[in-house]
Amino acid sequence: MVDLKTELLDDKLTQADLIKLMLHNAQHMATREEVKADITKVETSLKQDIAKVEDKIAKVETSLKQDMAKLETSLKQDIAKVESKLDRFQWLIIATILTVLLKDYVFSLLH
């Protein structure tokens, strides 16, 4: 192929030079129909990819909701156990205080 840049350096373009330039440019041009077809393909591909991502997001969301429900149930059970232990501990403290305060009275009753 003839180097077009060196040919363009001349101030005079011949009809043959113009035809060569036009043919060269035509080889690198796409028609509107080709561009529309490519755009349609890209849009279809993007819509499919978006649908896949939305499906994955829905699955993750469902999984997270299930995990949160399990965690909430577990936390409620743990809180109930701690409250039960705390209640017993409070009664132990009250019983200890009463024993210390009333020990003299109890000993006096026993003698």
Protein backbone atom coordinates (compact mmCIF):
# COMPACT_ATOMS: atom_id res chain seq x y z
CA MET A 1 0.00 0.00 0.00
CA VAL A 2 1.21 3.44 -0.81
CA ASP A 3 1.98 5.69 2.13
CA LEU A 4 -0.82 8.25 2.13
CA LYS A 5 0.99 10.73 4.36
CA THR A 6 3.81 11.26 1.90
CA GLU A 7 1.30 11.68 -0.89
CA LEU A 8 -0.59 14.33 1.07
CA LEU A 9 2.53 16.41 1.42
CA ASP A 10 2.15 17.45 -2.14
CA ASP A 11 0.00 20.52 -2.64
CA LYS A 12 -1.64 18.98 -5.66
CA LEU A 13 -4.07 16.13 -5.14
CA THR A 14 -4.99 14.19 -8.20
CA GLN A 15 -8.25 12.44 -8.81
CA ALA A 16 -6.51 9.11 -8.15
CA ASP A 17 -5.25 10.40 -4.81
CA LEU A 18 -8.75 11.46 -3.81
CA ILE A 19 -10.17 8.06 -4.77
CA LYS A 20 -7.45 6.33 -2.72
CA LEU A 21 -8.26 8.50 0.29
CA MET A 22 -11.98 7.85 -0.05
CA LEU A 23 -11.44 4.09 -0.37
CA HIS A 24 -9.11 4.11 2.61
CA ASN A 25 -11.66 5.99 4.73
CA ALA A 26 -14.52 3.78 3.52
CA GLN A 27 -12.69 0.69 4.75
CA HIS A 28 -12.69 2.11 8.29
CA MET A 29 -16.26 3.39 8.35
CA ALA A 30 -19.30 1.52 9.62
CA THR A 31 -22.79 1.94 8.31
CA ARG A 32 -25.62 3.14 10.52
CA GLU A 33 -27.23 -0.28 10.35
CA GLU A 34 -24.02 -1.94 11.59
CA VAL A 35 -23.73 0.52 14.46
CA LYS A 36 -27.41 0.06 15.39
CA ALA A 37 -26.98 -3.71 15.32
CA ASP A 38 -23.92 -3.47 17.55
CA ILE A 39 -25.74 -1.16 19.96
CA THR A 40 -28.69 -3.58 20.09
CA LYS A 41 -26.34 -6.48 20.87
CA VAL A 42 -24.63 -4.51 23.62
CA GLU A 43 -27.97 -3.43 25.12
CA THR A 44 -29.23 -7.02 25.11
CA SER A 45 -26.04 -8.23 26.74
CA LEU A 46 -26.19 -5.50 29.38
CA LYS A 47 -29.84 -6.27 30.15
CA GLN A 48 -28.98 -9.95 30.63
CA ASP A 49 -26.04 -9.08 32.88
CA ILE A 50 -28.20 -6.70 34.93
CA ALA A 51 -30.87 -9.40 35.33
CA LYS A 52 -28.23 -11.87 36.56
CA VAL A 53 -26.89 -9.33 39.07
CA GLU A 54 -30.42 -8.54 40.29
CA ASP A 55 -31.06 -12.27 40.81
CA LYS A 56 -27.84 -12.62 42.80
CA ILE A 57 -28.74 -9.57 44.90
CA ALA A 58 -32.19 -11.05 45.62
CA LYS A 59 -30.62 -14.35 46.71
CA VAL A 60 -28.13 -12.58 48.98
CA GLU A 61 -30.90 -10.44 50.44
CA THR A 62 -32.99 -13.53 51.22
CA SER A 63 -30.02 -15.26 52.77
CA LEU A 64 -29.22 -12.22 54.91
CA LYS A 65 -32.82 -11.98 56.13
CA GLN A 66 -32.76 -15.64 57.14
CA ASP A 67 -29.43 -15.23 58.91
CA MET A 68 -30.69 -12.14 60.74
CA ALA A 69 -33.81 -13.99 61.87
CA LYS A 70 -31.69 -16.87 63.21
CA LEU A 71 -29.38 -14.42 64.96
CA GLU A 72 -32.31 -12.57 66.51
CA THR A 73 -33.76 -15.82 67.86
CA SER A 74 -30.41 -16.84 69.26
CA LEU A 75 -29.90 -13.45 70.91
CA LYS A 76 -33.35 -13.57 72.51
CA GLN A 77 -32.57 -17.00 73.96
CA ASP A 78 -29.20 -15.81 75.27
CA ILE A 79 -30.76 -12.71 76.83
CA ALA A 80 -33.40 -14.85 78.54
CA LYS A 81 -30.67 -17.09 80.00
CA VAL A 82 -28.70 -14.09 81.27
CA GLU A 83 -31.82 -12.55 82.80
CA SER A 84 -32.57 -15.82 84.59
CA LYS A 85 -29.04 -16.00 85.98
CA LEU A 86 -29.21 -12.35 87.01
CA ASP A 87 -32.48 -12.93 88.87
CA ARG A 88 -30.95 -15.84 90.80
CA PHE A 89 -27.85 -13.77 91.57
CA GLN A 90 -29.99 -10.89 92.88
CA TRP A 91 -31.87 -13.26 95.19
CA LEU A 92 -28.56 -14.65 96.43
CA ILE A 93 -27.34 -11.12 97.24
CA ILE A 94 -30.60 -10.32 99.10
CA ALA A 95 -30.42 -13.57 101.04
CA THR A 96 -26.79 -12.91 101.99
CA ILE A 97 -27.58 -9.38 103.18
CA LEU A 98 -30.54 -10.58 105.24
CA THR A 99 -28.45 -13.36 106.76
CA VAL A 100 -25.72 -10.94 107.80
CA LEU A 101 -28.17 -8.41 109.21
CA LEU A 102 -30.36 -10.93 111.03
CA LYS A 103 -27.69 -13.37 112.30
CA ASP A 104 -27.68 -11.90 115.79
CA TYR A 105 -31.47 -12.14 116.00
CA VAL A 106 -31.42 -15.75 114.79
CA PHE A 107 -28.69 -16.71 117.34
CA SER A 108 -30.62 -15.06 120.14
CA LEU A 109 -33.70 -17.09 119.23
CA LEU A 110 -31.71 -20.32 119.24
CA HIS A 111 -30.27 -19.74 122.76
